[in-house]
Amino acid sequence: MPPAARLTDLHVCPVMPTGGPILPPCEPRVLIGYMPAARMGDATTCAGPDVIIGGEPTVLIGYRPAARLGDPTAYGGVITIGCPNVLIGKSAQAQTLERAAQEGTPLCEPCA
């Protein structure tokens, strides 16, 4: 589960390698580490109008998916910092179970 992204957390981008922070307003009614939560569609600092295009669809903040470390931006960048003590998304165990179900892989060997 990746850390939650917030206002002023940084991203890097191939257009502007130094990247920049996530811009206001984000979601001022939801604070993560005392900062407003970032969501899909929130803006980031770049050479032009860059926005967060990824997020966790199972966690909605202000009706939009929550942004996290590693989520992509429109110019091909990624969020590089998040709140380390707030993790958003599915656990590794849940992802393993979902992958097994999609592939039709048994979770244990059948008894003989």
PDB file of N, CA and C in Angstrom:
ATOM      1  N   MET A   1       0.847  -1.178   0.000  1.00  0.00           N
ATOM      2  CA  MET A   1       0.000   0.000   0.000  1.00  0.00           C
ATOM      3  C   MET A   1       0.890   1.237   0.000  1.00  0.00           C
ATOM      4  N   PRO A   2       0.723   2.082  -0.987  1.00  0.00           N
ATOM      5  CA  PRO A   2       1.547   3.283  -1.064  1.00  0.00           C
ATOM      6  C   PRO A   2       1.082   4.375  -0.099  1.00  0.00           C
ATOM      7  N   PRO A   3       2.007   5.247   0.304  1.00  0.00           N
ATOM      8  CA  PRO A   3       1.648   6.390   1.153  1.00  0.00           C
ATOM      9  C   PRO A   3       0.724   7.366   0.427  1.00  0.00           C
ATOM     10  N   ALA A   4      -0.165   8.002   1.181  1.00  0.00           N
ATOM     11  CA  ALA A   4      -1.106   8.973   0.639  1.00  0.00           C
ATOM     12  C   ALA A   4      -0.394  10.257   0.229  1.00  0.00           C
ATOM     13  N   ALA A   5      -0.792  10.828  -0.899  1.00  0.00           N
ATOM     14  CA  ALA A   5      -0.237  12.099  -1.374  1.00  0.00           C
ATOM     15  C   ALA A   5      -1.065  13.255  -0.826  1.00  0.00           C
ATOM     16  N   ARG A   6      -0.375  14.395  -0.612  1.00  0.00           N
ATOM     17  CA  ARG A   6      -1.025  15.574  -0.038  1.00  0.00           C
ATOM     18  C   ARG A   6      -0.587  16.839  -0.766  1.00  0.00           C
ATOM     19  N   LEU A   7      -1.250  17.916  -0.469  1.00  0.00           N
ATOM     20  CA  LEU A   7      -0.848  19.232  -0.942  1.00  0.00           C
ATOM     21  C   LEU A   7       0.623  19.436  -0.599  1.00  0.00           C
ATOM     22  N   THR A   8       1.396  19.937  -1.525  1.00  0.00           N
ATOM     23  CA  THR A   8       2.841  20.231  -1.440  1.00  0.00           C
ATOM     24  C   THR A   8       3.742  19.004  -1.538  1.00  0.00           C
ATOM     25  N   ASP A   9       3.215  17.764  -1.552  1.00  0.00           N
ATOM     26  CA  ASP A   9       4.088  16.618  -1.809  1.00  0.00           C
ATOM     27  C   ASP A   9       4.621  16.757  -3.239  1.00  0.00           C
ATOM     28  N   LEU A  10       5.810  16.232  -3.483  1.00  0.00           N
ATOM     29  CA  LEU A  10       6.488  16.459  -4.760  1.00  0.00           C
ATOM     30  C   LEU A  10       6.200  15.386  -5.794  1.00  0.00           C
ATOM     31  N   HIS A  11       6.414  15.773  -7.050  1.00  0.00           N
ATOM     32  CA  HIS A  11       6.388  14.827  -8.160  1.00  0.00           C
ATOM     33  C   HIS A  11       7.574  15.146  -9.072  1.00  0.00           C
ATOM     34  N   VAL A  12       7.983  14.186  -9.880  1.00  0.00           N
ATOM     35  CA  VAL A  12       8.987  14.422 -10.911  1.00  0.00           C
ATOM     36  C   VAL A  12       8.341  14.172 -12.261  1.00  0.00           C
ATOM     37  N   CYS A  13       8.894  14.816 -13.275  1.00  0.00           N
ATOM     38  CA  CYS A  13       8.271  14.795 -14.583  1.00  0.00           C
ATOM     39  C   CYS A  13       9.354  14.843 -15.657  1.00  0.00           C
ATOM     40  N   PRO A  14       9.193  14.135 -16.790  1.00  0.00           N
ATOM     41  CA  PRO A  14      10.195  14.214 -17.852  1.00  0.00           C
ATOM     42  C   PRO A  14      10.245  15.596 -18.515  1.00  0.00           C
ATOM     43  N   VAL A  15       9.165  16.359 -18.439  1.00  0.00           N
ATOM     44  CA  VAL A  15       9.136  17.693 -19.030  1.00  0.00           C
ATOM     45  C   VAL A  15       9.962  18.670 -18.201  1.00  0.00           C
ATOM     46  N   MET A  16       9.870  18.561 -16.896  1.00  0.00           N
ATOM     47  CA  MET A  16      10.597  19.433 -15.976  1.00  0.00           C
ATOM     48  C   MET A  16      11.219  18.528 -14.920  1.00  0.00           C
ATOM     49  N   PRO A  17      12.452  18.047 -15.127  1.00  0.00           N
ATOM     50  CA  PRO A  17      13.032  17.003 -14.269  1.00  0.00           C
ATOM     51  C   PRO A  17      13.053  17.313 -12.776  1.00  0.00           C
ATOM     52  N   THR A  18      13.104  18.573 -12.422  1.00  0.00           N
ATOM     53  CA  THR A  18      13.091  18.878 -10.989  1.00  0.00           C
ATOM     54  C   THR A  18      11.715  18.694 -10.393  1.00  0.00           C
ATOM     55  N   GLY A  19      10.694  18.652 -11.242  1.00  0.00           N
ATOM     56  CA  GLY A  19       9.330  18.468 -10.747  1.00  0.00           C
ATOM     57  C   GLY A  19       8.861  19.635  -9.921  1.00  0.00           C
ATOM     58  N   GLY A  20       7.923  19.356  -9.046  1.00  0.00           N
ATOM     59  CA  GLY A  20       7.385  20.401  -8.190  1.00  0.00           C
ATOM     60  C   GLY A  20       6.287  19.844  -7.319  1.00  0.00           C
ATOM     61  N   PRO A  21       5.708  20.709  -6.511  1.00  0.00           N
ATOM     62  CA  PRO A  21       4.697  20.248  -5.565  1.00  0.00           C
ATOM     63  C   PRO A  21       3.309  20.081  -6.176  1.00  0.00           C
ATOM     64  N   ILE A  22       2.483  19.348  -5.464  1.00  0.00           N
ATOM     65  CA  ILE A  22       1.061  19.273  -5.769  1.00  0.00           C
ATOM     66  C   ILE A  22       0.463  20.605  -5.314  1.00  0.00           C
ATOM     67  N   LEU A  23      -0.389  21.190  -6.155  1.00  0.00           N
ATOM     68  CA  LEU A  23      -0.911  22.534  -5.921  1.00  0.00           C
ATOM     69  C   LEU A  23      -2.269  22.533  -5.228  1.00  0.00           C
ATOM     70  N   PRO A  24      -2.626  23.658  -4.579  1.00  0.00           N
ATOM     71  CA  PRO A  24      -3.947  23.779  -3.957  1.00  0.00           C
ATOM     72  C   PRO A  24      -5.040  23.807  -5.017  1.00  0.00           C
ATOM     73  N   PRO A  25      -6.265  23.473  -4.636  1.00  0.00           N
ATOM     74  CA  PRO A  25      -6.749  23.365  -3.273  1.00  0.00           C
ATOM     75  C   PRO A  25      -6.686  21.959  -2.699  1.00  0.00           C
ATOM     76  N   CYS A  26      -6.559  20.901  -3.519  1.00  0.00           N
ATOM     77  CA  CYS A  26      -6.693  19.514  -3.047  1.00  0.00           C
ATOM     78  C   CYS A  26      -8.033  19.389  -2.314  1.00  0.00           C
ATOM     79  N   GLU A  27      -8.121  18.586  -1.264  1.00  0.00           N
ATOM     80  CA  GLU A  27      -9.389  18.438  -0.527  1.00  0.00           C
ATOM     81  C   GLU A  27      -9.202  18.968   0.888  1.00  0.00           C
ATOM     82  N   PRO A  28      -9.590  20.222   1.131  1.00  0.00           N
ATOM     83  CA  PRO A  28      -9.336  20.848   2.435  1.00  0.00           C
ATOM     84  C   PRO A  28     -10.118  20.232   3.594  1.00  0.00           C
ATOM     85  N   ARG A  29     -11.177  19.455   3.289  1.00  0.00           N
ATOM     86  CA  ARG A  29     -11.957  18.831   4.373  1.00  0.00           C
ATOM     87  C   ARG A  29     -11.380  17.511   4.842  1.00  0.00           C
ATOM     88  N   VAL A  30     -10.355  16.998   4.111  1.00  0.00           N
ATOM     89  CA  VAL A  30      -9.704  15.741   4.498  1.00  0.00           C
ATOM     90  C   VAL A  30      -8.215  16.032   4.679  1.00  0.00           C
ATOM     91  N   LEU A  31      -7.762  15.954   5.921  1.00  0.00           N
ATOM     92  CA  LEU A  31      -6.359  16.232   6.210  1.00  0.00           C
ATOM     93  C   LEU A  31      -5.591  14.929   6.427  1.00  0.00           C
ATOM     94  N   ILE A  32      -4.437  14.840   5.800  1.00  0.00           N
ATOM     95  CA  ILE A  32      -3.531  13.705   5.955  1.00  0.00           C
ATOM     96  C   ILE A  32      -2.202  14.293   6.411  1.00  0.00           C
ATOM     97  N   GLY A  33      -1.796  13.972   7.618  1.00  0.00           N
ATOM     98  CA  GLY A  33      -0.582  14.574   8.146  1.00  0.00           C
ATOM     99  C   GLY A  33      -0.685  16.087   8.201  1.00  0.00           C
ATOM    100  N   TYR A  34      -1.850  16.597   8.564  1.00  0.00           N
ATOM    101  CA  TYR A  34      -2.141  18.028   8.702  1.00  0.00           C
ATOM    102  C   TYR A  34      -2.149  18.799   7.384  1.00  0.00           C
ATOM    103  N   MET A  35      -2.201  18.087   6.261  1.00  0.00           N
ATOM    104  CA  MET A  35      -2.238  18.728   4.945  1.00  0.00           C
ATOM    105  C   MET A  35      -3.448  18.197   4.170  1.00  0.00           C
ATOM    106  N   PRO A  36      -4.056  19.025   3.299  1.00  0.00           N
ATOM    107  CA  PRO A  36      -5.181  18.550   2.485  1.00  0.00           C
ATOM    108  C   PRO A  36      -4.781  17.363   1.595  1.00  0.00           C
ATOM    109  N   ALA A  37      -5.685  16.413   1.465  1.00  0.00           N
ATOM    110  CA  ALA A  37      -5.450  15.206   0.672  1.00  0.00           C
ATOM    111  C   ALA A  37      -5.447  15.519  -0.821  1.00  0.00           C
ATOM    112  N   ALA A  38      -4.513  14.909  -1.549  1.00  0.00           N
ATOM    113  CA  ALA A  38      -4.466  15.043  -3.009  1.00  0.00           C
ATOM    114  C   ALA A  38      -5.306  13.938  -3.634  1.00  0.00           C
ATOM    115  N   ARG A  39      -5.905  14.272  -4.796  1.00  0.00           N
ATOM    116  CA  ARG A  39      -6.775  13.323  -5.487  1.00  0.00           C
ATOM    117  C   ARG A  39      -6.515  13.349  -6.980  1.00  0.00           C
ATOM    118  N   MET A  40      -7.020  12.367  -7.670  1.00  0.00           N
ATOM    119  CA  MET A  40      -6.939  12.372  -9.117  1.00  0.00           C
ATOM    120  C   MET A  40      -7.598  13.653  -9.626  1.00  0.00           C
ATOM    121  N   GLY A  41      -6.940  14.351 -10.551  1.00  0.00           N
ATOM    122  CA  GLY A  41      -7.461  15.597 -11.096  1.00  0.00           C
ATOM    123  C   GLY A  41      -6.864  16.838 -10.452  1.00  0.00           C
ATOM    124  N   ASP A  42      -6.187  16.692  -9.306  1.00  0.00           N
ATOM    125  CA  ASP A  42      -5.532  17.848  -8.689  1.00  0.00           C
ATOM    126  C   ASP A  42      -4.295  18.220  -9.508  1.00  0.00           C
ATOM    127  N   ALA A  43      -3.939  19.503  -9.493  1.00  0.00           N
ATOM    128  CA  ALA A  43      -2.845  20.023 -10.308  1.00  0.00           C
ATOM    129  C   ALA A  43      -1.489  19.863  -9.634  1.00  0.00           C
ATOM    130  N   THR A  44      -0.460  19.787 -10.481  1.00  0.00           N
ATOM    131  CA  THR A  44       0.921  19.761 -10.003  1.00  0.00           C
ATOM    132  C   THR A  44       1.709  20.841 -10.743  1.00  0.00           C
ATOM    133  N   THR A  45       2.820  21.265 -10.153  1.00  0.00           N
ATOM    134  CA  THR A  45       3.681  22.259 -10.779  1.00  0.00           C
ATOM    135  C   THR A  45       4.492  21.599 -11.880  1.00  0.00           C
ATOM    136  N   CYS A  46       4.434  22.172 -13.076  1.00  0.00           N
ATOM    137  CA  CYS A  46       5.189  21.646 -14.201  1.00  0.00           C
ATOM    138  C   CYS A  46       5.343  22.770 -15.218  1.00  0.00           C
ATOM    139  N   ALA A  47       5.836  22.450 -16.409  1.00  0.00           N
ATOM    140  CA  ALA A  47       5.998  23.457 -17.455  1.00  0.00           C
ATOM    141  C   ALA A  47       4.649  23.962 -17.967  1.00  0.00           C
ATOM    142  N   GLY A  48       3.609  23.198 -17.762  1.00  0.00           N
ATOM    143  CA  GLY A  48       2.261  23.573 -18.182  1.00  0.00           C
ATOM    144  C   GLY A  48       1.263  23.021 -17.194  1.00  0.00           C
ATOM    145  N   PRO A  49      -0.009  22.999 -17.567  1.00  0.00           N
ATOM    146  CA  PRO A  49      -1.025  22.479 -16.641  1.00  0.00           C
ATOM    147  C   PRO A  49      -0.979  20.963 -16.531  1.00  0.00           C
ATOM    148  N   ASP A  50      -0.287  20.468 -15.538  1.00  0.00           N
ATOM    149  CA  ASP A  50      -0.154  19.032 -15.308  1.00  0.00           C
ATOM    150  C   ASP A  50      -1.127  18.630 -14.204  1.00  0.00           C
ATOM    151  N   VAL A  51      -1.721  17.470 -14.332  1.00  0.00           N
ATOM    152  CA  VAL A  51      -2.663  16.987 -13.318  1.00  0.00           C
ATOM    153  C   VAL A  51      -2.366  15.533 -12.972  1.00  0.00           C
ATOM    154  N   ILE A  52      -2.807  15.135 -11.800  1.00  0.00           N
ATOM    155  CA  ILE A  52      -2.679  13.745 -11.364  1.00  0.00           C
ATOM    156  C   ILE A  52      -3.734  12.937 -12.115  1.00  0.00           C
ATOM    157  N   ILE A  53      -3.288  11.872 -12.813  1.00  0.00           N
ATOM    158  CA  ILE A  53      -4.242  11.077 -13.604  1.00  0.00           C
ATOM    159  C   ILE A  53      -4.458   9.678 -13.038  1.00  0.00           C
ATOM    160  N   GLY A  54      -3.779   9.345 -11.941  1.00  0.00           N
ATOM    161  CA  GLY A  54      -3.967   8.045 -11.313  1.00  0.00           C
ATOM    162  C   GLY A  54      -4.443   8.214  -9.887  1.00  0.00           C
ATOM    163  N   GLY A  55      -4.923   7.136  -9.312  1.00  0.00           N
ATOM    164  CA  GLY A  55      -5.383   7.167  -7.934  1.00  0.00           C
ATOM    165  C   GLY A  55      -5.958   5.812  -7.553  1.00  0.00           C
ATOM    166  N   GLU A  56      -6.277   5.660  -6.282  1.00  0.00           N
ATOM    167  CA  GLU A  56      -6.846   4.408  -5.781  1.00  0.00           C
ATOM    168  C   GLU A  56      -8.363   4.448  -5.924  1.00  0.00           C
ATOM    169  N   PRO A  57      -8.926   3.648  -6.841  1.00  0.00           N
ATOM    170  CA  PRO A  57     -10.370   3.711  -7.087  1.00  0.00           C
ATOM    171  C   PRO A  57     -11.229   3.239  -5.916  1.00  0.00           C
ATOM    172  N   THR A  58     -10.654   2.500  -4.981  1.00  0.00           N
ATOM    173  CA  THR A  58     -11.450   2.020  -3.850  1.00  0.00           C
ATOM    174  C   THR A  58     -11.487   3.014  -2.687  1.00  0.00           C
ATOM    175  N   VAL A  59     -10.723   4.112  -2.795  1.00  0.00           N
ATOM    176  CA  VAL A  59     -10.709   5.133  -1.742  1.00  0.00           C
ATOM    177  C   VAL A  59     -11.032   6.479  -2.381  1.00  0.00           C
ATOM    178  N   LEU A  60     -12.237   6.976  -2.138  1.00  0.00           N
ATOM    179  CA  LEU A  60     -12.652   8.255  -2.713  1.00  0.00           C
ATOM    180  C   LEU A  60     -12.545   9.356  -1.674  1.00  0.00           C
ATOM    181  N   ILE A  61     -11.960  10.468  -2.086  1.00  0.00           N
ATOM    182  CA  ILE A  61     -11.845  11.664  -1.247  1.00  0.00           C
ATOM    183  C   ILE A  61     -12.481  12.791  -2.047  1.00  0.00           C
ATOM    184  N   GLY A  62     -13.569  13.339  -1.527  1.00  0.00           N
ATOM    185  CA  GLY A  62     -14.286  14.364  -2.289  1.00  0.00           C
ATOM    186  C   GLY A  62     -14.755  13.831  -3.627  1.00  0.00           C
ATOM    187  N   TYR A  63     -15.224  12.596  -3.660  1.00  0.00           N
ATOM    188  CA  TYR A  63     -15.764  11.924  -4.847  1.00  0.00           C
ATOM    189  C   TYR A  63     -14.721  11.620  -5.916  1.00  0.00           C
ATOM    190  N   ARG A  64     -13.434  11.713  -5.591  1.00  0.00           N
ATOM    191  CA  ARG A  64     -12.378  11.397  -6.556  1.00  0.00           C
ATOM    192  C   ARG A  64     -11.394  10.411  -5.929  1.00  0.00           C
ATOM    193  N   PRO A  65     -10.759   9.558  -6.748  1.00  0.00           N
ATOM    194  CA  PRO A  65      -9.794   8.594  -6.213  1.00  0.00           C
ATOM    195  C   PRO A  65      -8.631   9.280  -5.490  1.00  0.00           C
ATOM    196  N   ALA A  66      -8.223   8.713  -4.379  1.00  0.00           N
ATOM    197  CA  ALA A  66      -7.111   9.253  -3.591  1.00  0.00           C
ATOM    198  C   ALA A  66      -5.795   9.059  -4.340  1.00  0.00           C
ATOM    199  N   ALA A  67      -4.951  10.099  -4.347  1.00  0.00           N
ATOM    200  CA  ALA A  67      -3.631  10.028  -4.980  1.00  0.00           C
ATOM    201  C   ALA A  67      -2.616   9.484  -3.983  1.00  0.00           C
ATOM    202  N   ARG A  68      -1.630   8.763  -4.517  1.00  0.00           N
ATOM    203  CA  ARG A  68      -0.621   8.119  -3.669  1.00  0.00           C
ATOM    204  C   ARG A  68       0.755   8.223  -4.299  1.00  0.00           C
ATOM    205  N   LEU A  69       1.755   7.907  -3.525  1.00  0.00           N
ATOM    206  CA  LEU A  69       3.121   7.804  -4.023  1.00  0.00           C
ATOM    207  C   LEU A  69       3.126   6.867  -5.221  1.00  0.00           C
ATOM    208  N   GLY A  70       3.749   7.287  -6.318  1.00  0.00           N
ATOM    209  CA  GLY A  70       3.842   6.457  -7.517  1.00  0.00           C
ATOM    210  C   GLY A  70       2.726   6.649  -8.519  1.00  0.00           C
ATOM    211  N   ASP A  71       1.668   7.377  -8.161  1.00  0.00           N
ATOM    212  CA  ASP A  71       0.585   7.602  -9.118  1.00  0.00           C
ATOM    213  C   ASP A  71       1.058   8.557 -10.224  1.00  0.00           C
ATOM    214  N   PRO A  72       0.588   8.353 -11.458  1.00  0.00           N
ATOM    215  CA  PRO A  72       1.077   9.133 -12.593  1.00  0.00           C
ATOM    216  C   PRO A  72       0.409  10.498 -12.743  1.00  0.00           C
ATOM    217  N   THR A  73       1.131  11.373 -13.490  1.00  0.00           N
ATOM    218  CA  THR A  73       0.577  12.680 -13.872  1.00  0.00           C
ATOM    219  C   THR A  73       0.455  12.715 -15.395  1.00  0.00           C
ATOM    220  N   ALA A  74      -0.264  13.701 -15.913  1.00  0.00           N
ATOM    221  CA  ALA A  74      -0.564  13.770 -17.343  1.00  0.00           C
ATOM    222  C   ALA A  74       0.676  13.889 -18.221  1.00  0.00           C
ATOM    223  N   TYR A  75       1.728  14.539 -17.750  1.00  0.00           N
ATOM    224  CA  TYR A  75       2.938  14.708 -18.559  1.00  0.00           C
ATOM    225  C   TYR A  75       3.925  13.558 -18.401  1.00  0.00           C
ATOM    226  N   GLY A  76       3.508  12.460 -17.813  1.00  0.00           N
ATOM    227  CA  GLY A  76       4.368  11.303 -17.674  1.00  0.00           C
ATOM    228  C   GLY A  76       5.182  11.270 -16.392  1.00  0.00           C
ATOM    229  N   GLY A  77       4.871  12.143 -15.469  1.00  0.00           N
ATOM    230  CA  GLY A  77       5.563  12.163 -14.188  1.00  0.00           C
ATOM    231  C   GLY A  77       4.912  11.226 -13.191  1.00  0.00           C
ATOM    232  N   VAL A  78       5.505  11.167 -11.998  1.00  0.00           N
ATOM    233  CA  VAL A  78       4.950  10.370 -10.910  1.00  0.00           C
ATOM    234  C   VAL A  78       5.106  11.133  -9.598  1.00  0.00           C
ATOM    235  N   ILE A  79       4.201  10.876  -8.682  1.00  0.00           N
ATOM    236  CA  ILE A  79       4.288  11.452  -7.343  1.00  0.00           C
ATOM    237  C   ILE A  79       5.409  10.724  -6.611  1.00  0.00           C
ATOM    238  N   THR A  80       6.314  11.495  -5.991  1.00  0.00           N
ATOM    239  CA  THR A  80       7.506  10.902  -5.384  1.00  0.00           C
ATOM    240  C   THR A  80       7.527  10.951  -3.862  1.00  0.00           C
ATOM    241  N   ILE A  81       6.587  11.646  -3.258  1.00  0.00           N
ATOM    242  CA  ILE A  81       6.544  11.741  -1.793  1.00  0.00           C
ATOM    243  C   ILE A  81       5.097  11.566  -1.352  1.00  0.00           C
ATOM    244  N   GLY A  82       4.918  10.910  -0.208  1.00  0.00           N
ATOM    245  CA  GLY A  82       3.606  10.764   0.395  1.00  0.00           C
ATOM    246  C   GLY A  82       3.760  10.729   1.906  1.00  0.00           C
ATOM    247  N   CYS A  83       2.650  10.745   2.608  1.00  0.00           N
ATOM    248  CA  CYS A  83       2.666  10.698   4.068  1.00  0.00           C
ATOM    249  C   CYS A  83       2.992   9.262   4.496  1.00  0.00           C
ATOM    250  N   PRO A  84       4.149   9.034   5.132  1.00  0.00           N
ATOM    251  CA  PRO A  84       4.578   7.668   5.403  1.00  0.00           C
ATOM    252  C   PRO A  84       3.714   6.889   6.388  1.00  0.00           C
ATOM    253  N   ASN A  85       2.917   7.569   7.194  1.00  0.00           N
ATOM    254  CA  ASN A  85       2.109   6.827   8.169  1.00  0.00           C
ATOM    255  C   ASN A  85       0.637   6.728   7.773  1.00  0.00           C
ATOM    256  N   VAL A  86       0.283   7.121   6.524  1.00  0.00           N
ATOM    257  CA  VAL A  86      -1.072   6.924   6.002  1.00  0.00           C
ATOM    258  C   VAL A  86      -0.945   6.191   4.677  1.00  0.00           C
ATOM    259  N   LEU A  87      -1.327   4.919   4.681  1.00  0.00           N
ATOM    260  CA  LEU A  87      -1.201   4.079   3.491  1.00  0.00           C
ATOM    261  C   LEU A  87      -2.576   3.858   2.882  1.00  0.00           C
ATOM    262  N   ILE A  88      -2.656   3.992   1.558  1.00  0.00           N
ATOM    263  CA  ILE A  88      -3.941   3.889   0.868  1.00  0.00           C
ATOM    264  C   ILE A  88      -3.866   2.801  -0.191  1.00  0.00           C
ATOM    265  N   GLY A  89      -4.870   1.942  -0.213  1.00  0.00           N
ATOM    266  CA  GLY A  89      -4.956   0.927  -1.244  1.00  0.00           C
ATOM    267  C   GLY A  89      -5.098  -0.454  -0.652  1.00  0.00           C
ATOM    268  N   LYS A  90      -4.909  -1.401  -1.508  1.00  0.00           N
ATOM    269  CA  LYS A  90      -5.055  -2.797  -1.114  1.00  0.00           C
ATOM    270  C   LYS A  90      -3.738  -3.318  -0.548  1.00  0.00           C
ATOM    271  N   SER A  91      -3.850  -4.210   0.404  1.00  0.00           N
ATOM    272  CA  SER A  91      -2.658  -4.825   0.978  1.00  0.00           C
ATOM    273  C   SER A  91      -2.065  -5.814  -0.019  1.00  0.00           C
ATOM    274  N   ALA A  92      -0.826  -6.194   0.203  1.00  0.00           N
ATOM    275  CA  ALA A  92      -0.174  -7.184  -0.661  1.00  0.00           C
ATOM    276  C   ALA A  92      -0.943  -8.505  -0.638  1.00  0.00           C
ATOM    277  N   GLN A  93      -1.497  -8.855   0.527  1.00  0.00           N
ATOM    278  CA  GLN A  93      -2.261 -10.098   0.637  1.00  0.00           C
ATOM    279  C   GLN A  93      -3.516 -10.046  -0.231  1.00  0.00           C
ATOM    280  N   ALA A  94      -4.222  -8.920  -0.189  1.00  0.00           N
ATOM    281  CA  ALA A  94      -5.438  -8.776  -0.999  1.00  0.00           C
ATOM    282  C   ALA A  94      -5.102  -8.802  -2.486  1.00  0.00           C
ATOM    283  N   GLN A  95      -4.012  -8.155  -2.879  1.00  0.00           N
ATOM    284  CA  GLN A  95      -3.613  -8.167  -4.284  1.00  0.00           C
ATOM    285  C   GLN A  95      -3.270  -9.574  -4.749  1.00  0.00           C
ATOM    286  N   THR A  96      -2.626 -10.362  -3.894  1.00  0.00           N
ATOM    287  CA  THR A  96      -2.286 -11.745  -4.229  1.00  0.00           C
ATOM    288  C   THR A  96      -3.550 -12.578  -4.430  1.00  0.00           C
ATOM    289  N   LEU A  97      -4.522 -12.415  -3.533  1.00  0.00           N
ATOM    290  CA  LEU A  97      -5.781 -13.154  -3.666  1.00  0.00           C
ATOM    291  C   LEU A  97      -6.528 -12.764  -4.939  1.00  0.00           C
ATOM    292  N   GLU A  98      -6.570 -11.469  -5.254  1.00  0.00           N
ATOM    293  CA  GLU A  98      -7.248 -11.027  -6.472  1.00  0.00           C
ATOM    294  C   GLU A  98      -6.561 -11.572  -7.720  1.00  0.00           C
ATOM    295  N   ARG A  99      -5.228 -11.530  -7.733  1.00  0.00           N
ATOM    296  CA  ARG A  99      -4.479 -12.031  -8.879  1.00  0.00           C
ATOM    297  C   ARG A  99      -4.734 -13.533  -9.065  1.00  0.00           C
ATOM    298  N   ALA A 100      -4.756 -14.281  -7.979  1.00  0.00           N
ATOM    299  CA  ALA A 100      -5.019 -15.721  -8.057  1.00  0.00           C
ATOM    300  C   ALA A 100      -6.415 -15.978  -8.612  1.00  0.00           C
ATOM    301  N   ALA A 101      -7.390 -15.195  -8.181  1.00  0.00           N
ATOM    302  CA  ALA A 101      -8.759 -15.370  -8.672  1.00  0.00           C
ATOM    303  C   ALA A 101      -8.850 -15.054 -10.163  1.00  0.00           C
ATOM    304  N   GLN A 102      -8.175 -13.989 -10.600  1.00  0.00           N
ATOM    305  CA  GLN A 102      -8.204 -13.612 -12.014  1.00  0.00           C
ATOM    306  C   GLN A 102      -7.541 -14.669 -12.896  1.00  0.00           C
ATOM    307  N   GLU A 103      -6.458 -15.268 -12.389  1.00  0.00           N
ATOM    308  CA  GLU A 103      -5.729 -16.270 -13.163  1.00  0.00           C
ATOM    309  C   GLU A 103      -6.302 -17.668 -13.007  1.00  0.00           C
ATOM    310  N   GLY A 104      -7.218 -17.848 -12.056  1.00  0.00           N
ATOM    311  CA  GLY A 104      -7.771 -19.162 -11.789  1.00  0.00           C
ATOM    312  C   GLY A 104      -6.795 -20.086 -11.069  1.00  0.00           C
ATOM    313  N   THR A 105      -5.835 -19.499 -10.389  1.00  0.00           N
ATOM    314  CA  THR A 105      -4.826 -20.264  -9.654  1.00  0.00           C
ATOM    315  C   THR A 105      -5.389 -20.688  -8.306  1.00  0.00           C
ATOM    316  N   PRO A 106      -5.257 -21.969  -7.960  1.00  0.00           N
ATOM    317  CA  PRO A 106      -5.738 -22.389  -6.640  1.00  0.00           C
ATOM    318  C   PRO A 106      -4.855 -21.812  -5.531  1.00  0.00           C
ATOM    319  N   LEU A 107      -5.453 -21.543  -4.392  1.00  0.00           N
ATOM    320  CA  LEU A 107      -4.710 -20.998  -3.264  1.00  0.00           C
ATOM    321  C   LEU A 107      -4.022 -22.087  -2.459  1.00  0.00           C
ATOM    322  N   CYS A 108      -4.451 -23.320  -2.642  1.00  0.00           N
ATOM    323  CA  CYS A 108      -3.793 -24.448  -1.981  1.00  0.00           C
ATOM    324  C   CYS A 108      -3.955 -25.664  -2.889  1.00  0.00           C
ATOM    325  N   GLU A 109      -3.139 -26.668  -2.635  1.00  0.00           N
ATOM    326  CA  GLU A 109      -3.214 -27.877  -3.436  1.00  0.00           C
ATOM    327  C   GLU A 109      -4.432 -28.693  -3.039  1.00  0.00           C
ATOM    328  N   PRO A 110      -5.103 -29.300  -4.020  1.00  0.00           N
ATOM    329  CA  PRO A 110      -6.257 -30.142  -3.687  1.00  0.00           C
ATOM    330  C   PRO A 110      -5.814 -31.371  -2.883  1.00  0.00           C
ATOM    331  N   CYS A 111      -6.650 -31.788  -1.969  1.00  0.00           N
ATOM    332  CA  CYS A 111      -6.366 -32.995  -1.176  1.00  0.00           C
ATOM    333  C   CYS A 111      -6.512 -34.231  -2.056  1.00  0.00           C
ATOM    334  N   ALA A 112      -5.666 -35.194  -1.823  1.00  0.00           N
ATOM    335  CA  ALA A 112      -5.709 -36.411  -2.644  1.00  0.00           C
ATOM    336  C   ALA A 112      -6.628 -37.436  -2.029  1.00  0.00           C
TER     337      ALA A 112
END
